[in-house]
PDB file of all heavy atoms in Angstrom:
ATOM      1  N   HIS A   1      65.725  89.090  24.792  1.00  0.00           N
ATOM      2  CA  HIS A   1      65.960  89.145  23.353  1.00  0.00           C
ATOM      3  C   HIS A   1      64.654  89.472  22.627  1.00  0.00           C
ATOM      4  O   HIS A   1      63.591  88.969  22.979  1.00  0.00           O
ATOM      5  CB  HIS A   1      66.516  87.792  22.877  1.00  0.00           C
ATOM      6  CG  HIS A   1      67.107  87.865  21.519  1.00  0.00           C
ATOM      7  ND1 HIS A   1      66.351  87.836  20.384  1.00  0.00           N
ATOM      8  CD2 HIS A   1      68.399  87.972  21.111  1.00  0.00           C
ATOM      9  CE1 HIS A   1      67.134  87.915  19.334  1.00  0.00           C
ATOM     10  NE2 HIS A   1      68.384  88.000  19.754  1.00  0.00           N
ATOM     11  N   PRO A   2      64.698  90.329  21.576  1.00  0.00           N
ATOM     12  CA  PRO A   2      63.461  90.689  20.866  1.00  0.00           C
ATOM     13  C   PRO A   2      62.790  89.515  20.159  1.00  0.00           C
ATOM     14  O   PRO A   2      61.579  89.538  19.943  1.00  0.00           O
ATOM     15  CB  PRO A   2      63.915  91.727  19.843  1.00  0.00           C
ATOM     16  CG  PRO A   2      65.302  92.089  20.179  1.00  0.00           C
ATOM     17  CD  PRO A   2      65.849  91.072  21.121  1.00  0.00           C
ATOM     18  N   ASN A   3      63.561  88.490  19.811  1.00  0.00           N
ATOM     19  CA  ASN A   3      62.976  87.329  19.154  1.00  0.00           C
ATOM     20  C   ASN A   3      62.092  86.594  20.160  1.00  0.00           C
ATOM     21  O   ASN A   3      62.539  86.178  21.223  1.00  0.00           O
ATOM     22  CB  ASN A   3      64.086  86.412  18.639  1.00  0.00           C
ATOM     23  CG  ASN A   3      63.548  85.266  17.817  1.00  0.00           C
ATOM     24  OD1 ASN A   3      62.402  84.860  17.954  1.00  0.00           O
ATOM     25  ND2 ASN A   3      64.392  84.741  16.944  1.00  0.00           N
ATOM     26  N   ARG A   4      60.842  86.426  19.827  1.00  0.00           N
ATOM     27  CA  ARG A   4      59.874  85.832  20.757  1.00  0.00           C
ATOM     28  C   ARG A   4      60.137  84.342  21.028  1.00  0.00           C
ATOM     29  O   ARG A   4      59.527  83.769  21.920  1.00  0.00           O
ATOM     30  CB  ARG A   4      58.450  86.027  20.244  1.00  0.00           C
ATOM     31  CG  ARG A   4      58.018  87.486  20.215  1.00  0.00           C
ATOM     32  CD  ARG A   4      57.985  88.022  21.595  1.00  0.00           C
ATOM     33  NE  ARG A   4      57.636  89.432  21.593  1.00  0.00           N
ATOM     34  CZ  ARG A   4      57.527  90.157  22.662  1.00  0.00           C
ATOM     35  NH1 ARG A   4      57.758  89.648  23.833  1.00  0.00           N
ATOM     36  NH2 ARG A   4      57.219  91.416  22.582  1.00  0.00           N
ATOM     37  N   ALA A   5      61.038  83.730  20.283  1.00  0.00           N
ATOM     38  CA  ALA A   5      61.375  82.330  20.552  1.00  0.00           C
ATOM     39  C   ALA A   5      61.999  82.190  21.942  1.00  0.00           C
ATOM     40  O   ALA A   5      61.856  81.153  22.596  1.00  0.00           O
ATOM     41  CB  ALA A   5      62.334  81.810  19.488  1.00  0.00           C
ATOM     42  N   PHE A   6      62.670  83.243  22.410  1.00  0.00           N
ATOM     43  CA  PHE A   6      63.292  83.201  23.726  1.00  0.00           C
ATOM     44  C   PHE A   6      62.270  83.339  24.860  1.00  0.00           C
ATOM     45  O   PHE A   6      62.607  83.163  26.020  1.00  0.00           O
ATOM     46  CB  PHE A   6      64.351  84.295  23.849  1.00  0.00           C
ATOM     47  CG  PHE A   6      65.574  84.025  23.017  1.00  0.00           C
ATOM     48  CD1 PHE A   6      65.711  84.590  21.769  1.00  0.00           C
ATOM     49  CD2 PHE A   6      66.574  83.193  23.489  1.00  0.00           C
ATOM     50  CE1 PHE A   6      66.828  84.335  20.997  1.00  0.00           C
ATOM     51  CE2 PHE A   6      67.700  82.939  22.733  1.00  0.00           C
ATOM     52  CZ  PHE A   6      67.827  83.501  21.476  1.00  0.00           C
ATOM     53  N   ASP A   7      61.025  83.672  24.519  1.00  0.00           N
ATOM     54  CA  ASP A   7      59.986  83.775  25.548  1.00  0.00           C
ATOM     55  C   ASP A   7      59.675  82.418  26.181  1.00  0.00           C
ATOM     56  O   ASP A   7      59.063  82.359  27.241  1.00  0.00           O
ATOM     57  CB  ASP A   7      58.698  84.376  24.968  1.00  0.00           C
ATOM     58  CG  ASP A   7      58.804  85.884  24.838  1.00  0.00           C
ATOM     59  OD1 ASP A   7      59.753  86.469  25.387  1.00  0.00           O
ATOM     60  OD2 ASP A   7      57.924  86.473  24.187  1.00  0.00           O
ATOM     61  N   ARG A   8      60.087  81.338  25.526  1.00  0.00           N
ATOM     62  CA  ARG A   8      59.850  80.011  26.096  1.00  0.00           C
ATOM     63  C   ARG A   8      60.560  79.841  27.435  1.00  0.00           C
ATOM     64  O   ARG A   8      60.146  79.052  28.275  1.00  0.00           O
ATOM     65  CB  ARG A   8      60.309  78.927  25.121  1.00  0.00           C
ATOM     66  CG  ARG A   8      59.318  78.754  23.980  1.00  0.00           C
ATOM     67  CD  ARG A   8      59.740  77.633  23.087  1.00  0.00           C
ATOM     68  NE  ARG A   8      60.314  78.277  21.898  1.00  0.00           N
ATOM     69  CZ  ARG A   8      61.224  77.758  21.130  1.00  0.00           C
ATOM     70  NH1 ARG A   8      61.713  76.579  21.389  1.00  0.00           N
ATOM     71  NH2 ARG A   8      61.664  78.386  20.083  1.00  0.00           N
ATOM     72  N   LEU A   9      61.611  80.622  27.629  1.00  0.00           N
ATOM     73  CA  LEU A   9      62.324  80.566  28.908  1.00  0.00           C
ATOM     74  C   LEU A   9      61.438  81.047  30.056  1.00  0.00           C
ATOM     75  O   LEU A   9      61.625  80.658  31.202  1.00  0.00           O
ATOM     76  CB  LEU A   9      63.593  81.419  28.846  1.00  0.00           C
ATOM     77  CG  LEU A   9      64.662  80.935  27.874  1.00  0.00           C
ATOM     78  CD1 LEU A   9      65.758  81.979  27.742  1.00  0.00           C
ATOM     79  CD2 LEU A   9      65.228  79.607  28.338  1.00  0.00           C
ATOM     80  N   ARG A  10      60.471  81.877  29.749  1.00  0.00           N
ATOM     81  CA  ARG A  10      59.558  82.370  30.785  1.00  0.00           C
ATOM     82  C   ARG A  10      58.661  81.262  31.332  1.00  0.00           C
ATOM     83  O   ARG A  10      58.086  81.416  32.401  1.00  0.00           O
ATOM     84  CB  ARG A  10      58.704  83.505  30.250  1.00  0.00           C
ATOM     85  CG  ARG A  10      59.529  84.713  29.924  1.00  0.00           C
ATOM     86  CD  ARG A  10      58.652  85.915  29.705  1.00  0.00           C
ATOM     87  NE  ARG A  10      59.446  86.991  29.201  1.00  0.00           N
ATOM     88  CZ  ARG A  10      60.304  87.704  29.930  1.00  0.00           C
ATOM     89  NH1 ARG A  10      60.433  87.453  31.190  1.00  0.00           N
ATOM     90  NH2 ARG A  10      61.021  88.657  29.387  1.00  0.00           N
ATOM     91  N   ALA A  11      58.555  80.167  30.615  1.00  0.00           N
ATOM     92  CA  ALA A  11      57.772  79.032  31.114  1.00  0.00           C
ATOM     93  C   ALA A  11      58.405  78.455  32.380  1.00  0.00           C
ATOM     94  O   ALA A  11      57.731  77.792  33.175  1.00  0.00           O
ATOM     95  CB  ALA A  11      57.662  77.949  30.042  1.00  0.00           C
ATOM     96  N   LEU A  12      59.700  78.738  32.567  1.00  0.00           N
ATOM     97  CA  LEU A  12      60.375  78.284  33.786  1.00  0.00           C
ATOM     98  C   LEU A  12      59.888  79.060  35.017  1.00  0.00           C
ATOM     99  O   LEU A  12      60.148  78.654  36.136  1.00  0.00           O
ATOM    100  CB  LEU A  12      61.892  78.463  33.648  1.00  0.00           C
ATOM    101  CG  LEU A  12      62.551  77.697  32.495  1.00  0.00           C
ATOM    102  CD1 LEU A  12      64.013  78.123  32.357  1.00  0.00           C
ATOM    103  CD2 LEU A  12      62.441  76.200  32.736  1.00  0.00           C
ATOM    104  N   ASP A  13      59.219  80.168  34.779  1.00  0.00           N
ATOM    105  CA  ASP A  13      58.727  81.026  35.862  1.00  0.00           C
ATOM    106  C   ASP A  13      57.222  81.215  35.695  1.00  0.00           C
ATOM    107  O   ASP A  13      56.766  82.242  35.196  1.00  0.00           O
ATOM    108  CB  ASP A  13      59.458  82.377  35.805  1.00  0.00           C
ATOM    109  CG  ASP A  13      59.061  83.310  36.925  1.00  0.00           C
ATOM    110  OD1 ASP A  13      58.492  82.846  37.924  1.00  0.00           O
ATOM    111  OD2 ASP A  13      59.324  84.519  36.797  1.00  0.00           O
ATOM    112  N   PRO A  14      56.419  80.241  36.105  1.00  0.00           N
ATOM    113  CA  PRO A  14      54.967  80.332  35.865  1.00  0.00           C
ATOM    114  C   PRO A  14      54.290  81.495  36.589  1.00  0.00           C
ATOM    115  O   PRO A  14      53.275  81.998  36.143  1.00  0.00           O
ATOM    116  CB  PRO A  14      54.433  78.992  36.365  1.00  0.00           C
ATOM    117  CG  PRO A  14      55.487  78.443  37.262  1.00  0.00           C
ATOM    118  CD  PRO A  14      56.789  79.033  36.811  1.00  0.00           C
ATOM    119  N   ILE A  15      54.851  81.955  37.685  1.00  0.00           N
ATOM    120  CA  ILE A  15      54.258  83.069  38.419  1.00  0.00           C
ATOM    121  C   ILE A  15      54.663  84.410  37.815  1.00  0.00           C
ATOM    122  O   ILE A  15      53.958  85.393  37.931  1.00  0.00           O
ATOM    123  CB  ILE A  15      54.665  83.012  39.913  1.00  0.00           C
ATOM    124  CG1 ILE A  15      54.175  81.707  40.518  1.00  0.00           C
ATOM    125  CG2 ILE A  15      54.116  84.189  40.676  1.00  0.00           C
ATOM    126  CD1 ILE A  15      54.645  81.487  41.933  1.00  0.00           C
ATOM    127  N   GLY A  16      55.805  84.443  37.144  1.00  0.00           N
ATOM    128  CA  GLY A  16      56.265  85.665  36.510  1.00  0.00           C
ATOM    129  C   GLY A  16      57.018  86.601  37.432  1.00  0.00           C
ATOM    130  O   GLY A  16      57.106  87.796  37.156  1.00  0.00           O
ATOM    131  N   LEU A  17      57.560  86.090  38.516  1.00  0.00           N
ATOM    132  CA  LEU A  17      58.276  86.938  39.466  1.00  0.00           C
ATOM    133  C   LEU A  17      59.789  86.795  39.405  1.00  0.00           C
ATOM    134  O   LEU A  17      60.512  87.696  39.810  1.00  0.00           O
ATOM    135  CB  LEU A  17      57.821  86.631  40.895  1.00  0.00           C
ATOM    136  CG  LEU A  17      56.374  86.962  41.218  1.00  0.00           C
ATOM    137  CD1 LEU A  17      56.038  86.496  42.626  1.00  0.00           C
ATOM    138  CD2 LEU A  17      56.124  88.433  41.077  1.00  0.00           C
ATOM    139  N   MET A  18      60.273  85.669  38.928  1.00  0.00           N
ATOM    140  CA  MET A  18      61.712  85.405  38.988  1.00  0.00           C
ATOM    141  C   MET A  18      62.459  85.849  37.723  1.00  0.00           C
ATOM    142  O   MET A  18      63.639  86.156  37.801  1.00  0.00           O
ATOM    143  CB  MET A  18      61.963  83.920  39.229  1.00  0.00           C
ATOM    144  CG  MET A  18      61.434  83.432  40.564  1.00  0.00           C
ATOM    145  SD  MET A  18      62.130  84.311  41.959  1.00  0.00           S
ATOM    146  CE  MET A  18      63.820  83.826  41.845  1.00  0.00           C
ATOM    147  N   ILE A  19      61.798  85.849  36.583  1.00  0.00           N
ATOM    148  CA  ILE A  19      62.458  86.238  35.338  1.00  0.00           C
ATOM    149  C   ILE A  19      61.841  87.566  34.887  1.00  0.00           C
ATOM    150  O   ILE A  19      60.736  87.595  34.352  1.00  0.00           O
ATOM    151  CB  ILE A  19      62.303  85.165  34.242  1.00  0.00           C
ATOM    152  CG1 ILE A  19      62.868  83.830  34.746  1.00  0.00           C
ATOM    153  CG2 ILE A  19      63.009  85.618  32.970  1.00  0.00           C
ATOM    154  CD1 ILE A  19      62.655  82.682  33.796  1.00  0.00           C
ATOM    155  N   PRO A  20      62.543  88.672  35.109  1.00  0.00           N
ATOM    156  CA  PRO A  20      61.972  89.976  34.757  1.00  0.00           C
ATOM    157  C   PRO A  20      61.915  90.196  33.252  1.00  0.00           C
ATOM    158  O   PRO A  20      62.664  89.582  32.487  1.00  0.00           O
ATOM    159  CB  PRO A  20      62.934  90.962  35.420  1.00  0.00           C
ATOM    160  CG  PRO A  20      64.204  90.225  35.572  1.00  0.00           C
ATOM    161  CD  PRO A  20      63.851  88.778  35.724  1.00  0.00           C
ATOM    162  N   ASN A  21      61.014  91.067  32.847  1.00  0.00           N
ATOM    163  CA  ASN A  21      60.903  91.460  31.448  1.00  0.00           C
ATOM    164  C   ASN A  21      61.360  92.905  31.364  1.00  0.00           C
ATOM    165  O   ASN A  21      60.626  93.818  31.712  1.00  0.00           O
ATOM    166  CB  ASN A  21      59.463  91.308  30.958  1.00  0.00           C
ATOM    167  CG  ASN A  21      59.344  91.592  29.485  1.00  0.00           C
ATOM    168  OD1 ASN A  21      60.306  91.959  28.824  1.00  0.00           O
ATOM    169  ND2 ASN A  21      58.152  91.423  28.961  1.00  0.00           N
ATOM    170  N   TRP A  22      62.567  93.118  30.892  1.00  0.00           N
ATOM    171  CA  TRP A  22      63.137  94.456  30.820  1.00  0.00           C
ATOM    172  C   TRP A  22      63.178  94.984  29.404  1.00  0.00           C
ATOM    173  O   TRP A  22      63.966  95.866  29.097  1.00  0.00           O
ATOM    174  CB  TRP A  22      64.556  94.457  31.387  1.00  0.00           C
ATOM    175  CG  TRP A  22      64.613  94.240  32.851  1.00  0.00           C
ATOM    176  CD1 TRP A  22      63.685  94.606  33.783  1.00  0.00           C
ATOM    177  CD2 TRP A  22      65.662  93.610  33.572  1.00  0.00           C
ATOM    178  NE1 TRP A  22      64.085  94.242  35.025  1.00  0.00           N
ATOM    179  CE2 TRP A  22      65.314  93.621  34.938  1.00  0.00           C
ATOM    180  CE3 TRP A  22      66.865  93.034  33.211  1.00  0.00           C
ATOM    181  CZ2 TRP A  22      66.113  93.096  35.918  1.00  0.00           C
ATOM    182  CZ3 TRP A  22      67.660  92.505  34.195  1.00  0.00           C
ATOM    183  CH2 TRP A  22      67.293  92.540  35.523  1.00  0.00           C
ATOM    184  N   ARG A  23      62.365  94.475  28.528  1.00  0.00           N
ATOM    185  CA  ARG A  23      62.343  95.015  27.174  1.00  0.00           C
ATOM    186  C   ARG A  23      61.881  96.465  27.272  1.00  0.00           C
ATOM    187  O   ARG A  23      60.868  96.762  27.892  1.00  0.00           O
ATOM    188  CB  ARG A  23      61.411  94.218  26.282  1.00  0.00           C
ATOM    189  CG  ARG A  23      61.949  92.854  25.966  1.00  0.00           C
ATOM    190  CD  ARG A  23      61.022  92.158  24.982  1.00  0.00           C
ATOM    191  NE  ARG A  23      61.481  90.821  24.743  1.00  0.00           N
ATOM    192  CZ  ARG A  23      60.821  89.728  25.091  1.00  0.00           C
ATOM    193  NH1 ARG A  23      59.655  89.826  25.701  1.00  0.00           N
ATOM    194  NH2 ARG A  23      61.313  88.547  24.832  1.00  0.00           N
ATOM    195  N   PHE A  24      62.616  97.334  26.635  1.00  0.00           N
ATOM    196  CA  PHE A  24      62.323  98.754  26.798  1.00  0.00           C
ATOM    197  C   PHE A  24      61.234  99.249  25.862  1.00  0.00           C
ATOM    198  O   PHE A  24      60.683 100.317  26.070  1.00  0.00           O
ATOM    199  CB  PHE A  24      63.588  99.580  26.606  1.00  0.00           C
ATOM    200  CG  PHE A  24      64.562  99.369  27.714  1.00  0.00           C
ATOM    201  CD1 PHE A  24      65.718  98.656  27.511  1.00  0.00           C
ATOM    202  CD2 PHE A  24      64.299  99.853  28.981  1.00  0.00           C
ATOM    203  CE1 PHE A  24      66.622  98.462  28.540  1.00  0.00           C
ATOM    204  CE2 PHE A  24      65.177  99.660  30.025  1.00  0.00           C
ATOM    205  CZ  PHE A  24      66.342  98.967  29.796  1.00  0.00           C
ATOM    206  N   PHE A  25      60.905  98.511  24.836  1.00  0.00           N
ATOM    207  CA  PHE A  25      59.893  98.966  23.901  1.00  0.00           C
ATOM    208  C   PHE A  25      58.894  97.843  23.662  1.00  0.00           C
ATOM    209  O   PHE A  25      59.218  96.674  23.747  1.00  0.00           O
ATOM    210  CB  PHE A  25      60.530  99.374  22.564  1.00  0.00           C
ATOM    211  CG  PHE A  25      61.512 100.491  22.722  1.00  0.00           C
ATOM    212  CD1 PHE A  25      62.867 100.243  22.675  1.00  0.00           C
ATOM    213  CD2 PHE A  25      61.080 101.786  22.949  1.00  0.00           C
ATOM    214  CE1 PHE A  25      63.778 101.266  22.831  1.00  0.00           C
ATOM    215  CE2 PHE A  25      61.983 102.814  23.115  1.00  0.00           C
ATOM    216  CZ  PHE A  25      63.338 102.554  23.054  1.00  0.00           C
ATOM    217  N   ALA A  26      57.700  98.258  23.333  1.00  0.00           N
ATOM    218  CA  ALA A  26      56.660  97.296  22.992  1.00  0.00           C
ATOM    219  C   ALA A  26      57.042  96.628  21.672  1.00  0.00           C
ATOM    220  O   ALA A  26      58.011  97.033  21.021  1.00  0.00           O
ATOM    221  CB  ALA A  26      55.331  98.026  22.859  1.00  0.00           C
ATOM    222  N   PRO A  27      56.277  95.637  21.248  1.00  0.00           N
ATOM    223  CA  PRO A  27      56.617  94.991  19.972  1.00  0.00           C
ATOM    224  C   PRO A  27      56.673  95.992  18.811  1.00  0.00           C
ATOM    225  O   PRO A  27      57.415  95.818  17.876  1.00  0.00           O
ATOM    226  CB  PRO A  27      55.480  93.994  19.755  1.00  0.00           C
ATOM    227  CG  PRO A  27      54.921  93.752  21.110  1.00  0.00           C
ATOM    228  CD  PRO A  27      55.153  94.988  21.901  1.00  0.00           C
ATOM    229  N   PHE A  28      55.900  97.068  18.885  1.00  0.00           N
ATOM    230  CA  PHE A  28      55.907  98.102  17.855  1.00  0.00           C
ATOM    231  C   PHE A  28      56.174  99.445  18.539  1.00  0.00           C
ATOM    232  O   PHE A  28      55.240 100.125  18.954  1.00  0.00           O
ATOM    233  CB  PHE A  28      54.572  98.136  17.111  1.00  0.00           C
ATOM    234  CG  PHE A  28      54.199  96.810  16.533  1.00  0.00           C
ATOM    235  CD1 PHE A  28      53.221  96.036  17.128  1.00  0.00           C
ATOM    236  CD2 PHE A  28      54.840  96.317  15.416  1.00  0.00           C
ATOM    237  CE1 PHE A  28      52.885  94.802  16.615  1.00  0.00           C
ATOM    238  CE2 PHE A  28      54.510  95.085  14.898  1.00  0.00           C
ATOM    239  CZ  PHE A  28      53.532  94.324  15.491  1.00  0.00           C
ATOM    240  N   PRO A  29      57.434  99.826  18.683  1.00  0.00           N
ATOM    241  CA  PRO A  29      57.738 101.068  19.394  1.00  0.00           C
ATOM    242  C   PRO A  29      57.186 102.289  18.661  1.00  0.00           C
ATOM    243  O   PRO A  29      57.038 102.286  17.436  1.00  0.00           O
ATOM    244  CB  PRO A  29      59.264 101.097  19.425  1.00  0.00           C
ATOM    245  CG  PRO A  29      59.703 100.187  18.346  1.00  0.00           C
ATOM    246  CD  PRO A  29      58.626  99.170  18.159  1.00  0.00           C
ATOM    247  N   ALA A  30      56.869 103.329  19.409  1.00  0.00           N
ATOM    248  CA  ALA A  30      56.348 104.559  18.822  1.00  0.00           C
ATOM    249  C   ALA A  30      57.432 105.207  17.968  1.00  0.00           C
ATOM    250  O   ALA A  30      58.588 105.292  18.371  1.00  0.00           O
ATOM    251  CB  ALA A  30      55.900 105.504  19.919  1.00  0.00           C
ATOM    252  N   ARG A  31      57.026 105.665  16.804  1.00  0.00           N
ATOM    253  CA  ARG A  31      57.971 106.315  15.902  1.00  0.00           C
ATOM    254  C   ARG A  31      57.572 107.759  15.619  1.00  0.00           C
ATOM    255  O   ARG A  31      58.107 108.393  14.722  1.00  0.00           O
ATOM    256  CB  ARG A  31      58.040 105.538  14.590  1.00  0.00           C
ATOM    257  CG  ARG A  31      58.645 104.164  14.770  1.00  0.00           C
ATOM    258  CD  ARG A  31      58.827 103.461  13.438  1.00  0.00           C
ATOM    259  NE  ARG A  31      59.531 102.237  13.616  1.00  0.00           N
ATOM    260  CZ  ARG A  31      58.939 101.051  13.741  1.00  0.00           C
ATOM    261  NH1 ARG A  31      57.637 100.959  13.724  1.00  0.00           N
ATOM    262  NH2 ARG A  31      59.660  99.962  13.897  1.00  0.00           N
ATOM    263  N   HIS A  32      56.605 108.244  16.370  1.00  0.00           N
ATOM    264  CA  HIS A  32      56.126 109.596  16.167  1.00  0.00           C
ATOM    265  C   HIS A  32      55.477 110.111  17.454  1.00  0.00           C
ATOM    266  O   HIS A  32      55.261 109.345  18.377  1.00  0.00           O
ATOM    267  CB  HIS A  32      55.123 109.642  15.017  1.00  0.00           C
ATOM    268  CG  HIS A  32      54.012 108.665  15.192  1.00  0.00           C
ATOM    269  ND1 HIS A  32      54.042 107.406  14.657  1.00  0.00           N
ATOM    270  CD2 HIS A  32      52.854 108.735  15.895  1.00  0.00           C
ATOM    271  CE1 HIS A  32      52.942 106.758  15.007  1.00  0.00           C
ATOM    272  NE2 HIS A  32      52.216 107.532  15.766  1.00  0.00           N
ATOM    273  N   ASP A  33      55.194 111.394  17.476  1.00  0.00           N
ATOM    274  CA  ASP A  33      54.506 112.021  18.599  1.00  0.00           C
ATOM    275  C   ASP A  33      53.214 112.630  18.091  1.00  0.00           C
ATOM    276  O   ASP A  33      53.003 112.764  16.889  1.00  0.00           O
ATOM    277  CB  ASP A  33      55.374 113.119  19.213  1.00  0.00           C
ATOM    278  CG  ASP A  33      56.568 112.571  19.963  1.00  0.00           C
ATOM    279  OD1 ASP A  33      56.407 111.514  20.602  1.00  0.00           O
ATOM    280  OD2 ASP A  33      57.637 113.191  19.924  1.00  0.00           O
ATOM    281  N   TYR A  34      52.375 113.010  19.026  1.00  0.00           N
ATOM    282  CA  TYR A  34      51.125 113.689  18.690  1.00  0.00           C
ATOM    283  C   TYR A  34      51.081 115.045  19.380  1.00  0.00           C
ATOM    284  O   TYR A  34      51.582 115.204  20.492  1.00  0.00           O
ATOM    285  CB  TYR A  34      49.916 112.880  19.178  1.00  0.00           C
ATOM    286  CG  TYR A  34      49.636 111.634  18.388  1.00  0.00           C
ATOM    287  CD1 TYR A  34      50.097 110.397  18.822  1.00  0.00           C
ATOM    288  CD2 TYR A  34      48.899 111.682  17.217  1.00  0.00           C
ATOM    289  CE1 TYR A  34      49.821 109.247  18.112  1.00  0.00           C
ATOM    290  CE2 TYR A  34      48.618 110.531  16.497  1.00  0.00           C
ATOM    291  CZ  TYR A  34      49.097 109.323  16.953  1.00  0.00           C
ATOM    292  OH  TYR A  34      48.827 108.182  16.237  1.00  0.00           O
ATOM    293  N   HIS A  35      50.472 115.989  18.706  1.00  0.00           N
ATOM    294  CA  HIS A  35      50.130 117.273  19.308  1.00  0.00           C
ATOM    295  C   HIS A  35      48.617 117.405  19.225  1.00  0.00           C
ATOM    296  O   HIS A  35      48.000 116.990  18.241  1.00  0.00           O
ATOM    297  CB  HIS A  35      50.741 118.448  18.543  1.00  0.00           C
ATOM    298  CG  HIS A  35      52.128 118.766  18.938  1.00  0.00           C
ATOM    299  ND1 HIS A  35      52.480 119.162  20.201  1.00  0.00           N
ATOM    300  CD2 HIS A  35      53.272 118.766  18.220  1.00  0.00           C
ATOM    301  CE1 HIS A  35      53.765 119.392  20.246  1.00  0.00           C
ATOM    302  NE2 HIS A  35      54.277 119.141  19.057  1.00  0.00           N
ATOM    303  N   VAL A  36      48.038 117.999  20.241  1.00  0.00           N
ATOM    304  CA  VAL A  36      46.622 118.338  20.214  1.00  0.00           C
ATOM    305  C   VAL A  36      46.552 119.848  20.103  1.00  0.00           C
ATOM    306  O   VAL A  36      47.079 120.571  20.945  1.00  0.00           O
ATOM    307  CB  VAL A  36      45.887 117.851  21.485  1.00  0.00           C
ATOM    308  CG1 VAL A  36      44.427 118.233  21.432  1.00  0.00           C
ATOM    309  CG2 VAL A  36      46.053 116.349  21.650  1.00  0.00           C
ATOM    310  N   LEU A  37      45.934 120.316  19.024  1.00  0.00           N
ATOM    311  CA  LEU A  37      45.750 121.739  18.792  1.00  0.00           C
ATOM    312  C   LEU A  37      44.265 122.063  18.924  1.00  0.00           C
ATOM    313  O   LEU A  37      43.411 121.184  18.766  1.00  0.00           O
ATOM    314  CB  LEU A  37      46.235 122.133  17.399  1.00  0.00           C
ATOM    315  CG  LEU A  37      47.664 121.758  17.028  1.00  0.00           C
ATOM    316  CD1 LEU A  37      47.951 122.122  15.568  1.00  0.00           C
ATOM    317  CD2 LEU A  37      48.658 122.441  17.928  1.00  0.00           C
ATOM    318  N   TYR A  38      43.961 123.320  19.176  1.00  0.00           N
ATOM    319  CA  TYR A  38      42.567 123.730  19.212  1.00  0.00           C
ATOM    320  C   TYR A  38      42.426 125.140  18.670  1.00  0.00           C
ATOM    321  O   TYR A  38      43.386 125.910  18.625  1.00  0.00           O
ATOM    322  CB  TYR A  38      41.998 123.644  20.630  1.00  0.00           C
ATOM    323  CG  TYR A  38      42.488 124.724  21.573  1.00  0.00           C
ATOM    324  CD1 TYR A  38      41.769 125.913  21.726  1.00  0.00           C
ATOM    325  CD2 TYR A  38      43.653 124.559  22.305  1.00  0.00           C
ATOM    326  CE1 TYR A  38      42.218 126.901  22.579  1.00  0.00           C
ATOM    327  CE2 TYR A  38      44.101 125.539  23.163  1.00  0.00           C
ATOM    328  CZ  TYR A  38      43.386 126.716  23.298  1.00  0.00           C
ATOM    329  OH  TYR A  38      43.825 127.693  24.148  1.00  0.00           O
ATOM    330  N   ARG A  39      41.246 125.445  18.211  1.00  0.00           N
ATOM    331  CA  ARG A  39      40.903 126.815  17.862  1.00  0.00           C
ATOM    332  C   ARG A  39      39.517 127.084  18.409  1.00  0.00           C
ATOM    333  O   ARG A  39      38.708 126.161  18.597  1.00  0.00           O
ATOM    334  CB  ARG A  39      40.988 127.075  16.369  1.00  0.00           C
ATOM    335  CG  ARG A  39      40.024 126.292  15.522  1.00  0.00           C
ATOM    336  CD  ARG A  39      40.210 126.655  14.068  1.00  0.00           C
ATOM    337  NE  ARG A  39      39.414 125.798  13.215  1.00  0.00           N
ATOM    338  CZ  ARG A  39      39.406 125.877  11.906  1.00  0.00           C
ATOM    339  NH1 ARG A  39      40.157 126.769  11.290  1.00  0.00           N
ATOM    340  NH2 ARG A  39      38.660 125.065  11.191  1.00  0.00           N
ATOM    341  N   THR A  40      39.264 128.329  18.672  1.00  0.00           N
ATOM    342  CA  THR A  40      37.994 128.706  19.290  1.00  0.00           C
ATOM    343  C   THR A  40      37.128 129.474  18.311  1.00  0.00           C
ATOM    344  O   THR A  40      37.612 130.022  17.312  1.00  0.00           O
ATOM    345  CB  THR A  40      38.245 129.566  20.539  1.00  0.00           C
ATOM    346  OG1 THR A  40      39.023 130.709  20.167  1.00  0.00           O
ATOM    347  CG2 THR A  40      38.974 128.770  21.612  1.00  0.00           C
TER     348      THR A  40
END
């Protein structure tokens, strides 16, 4: 769940191997792209 209050459940897994983190986006997902342009 995106609400960080549910992260307390991860305390049940101190090693971090039994409860996976499948959140697909970081806390602030990217909302744009970048291009790199050049001129000579």
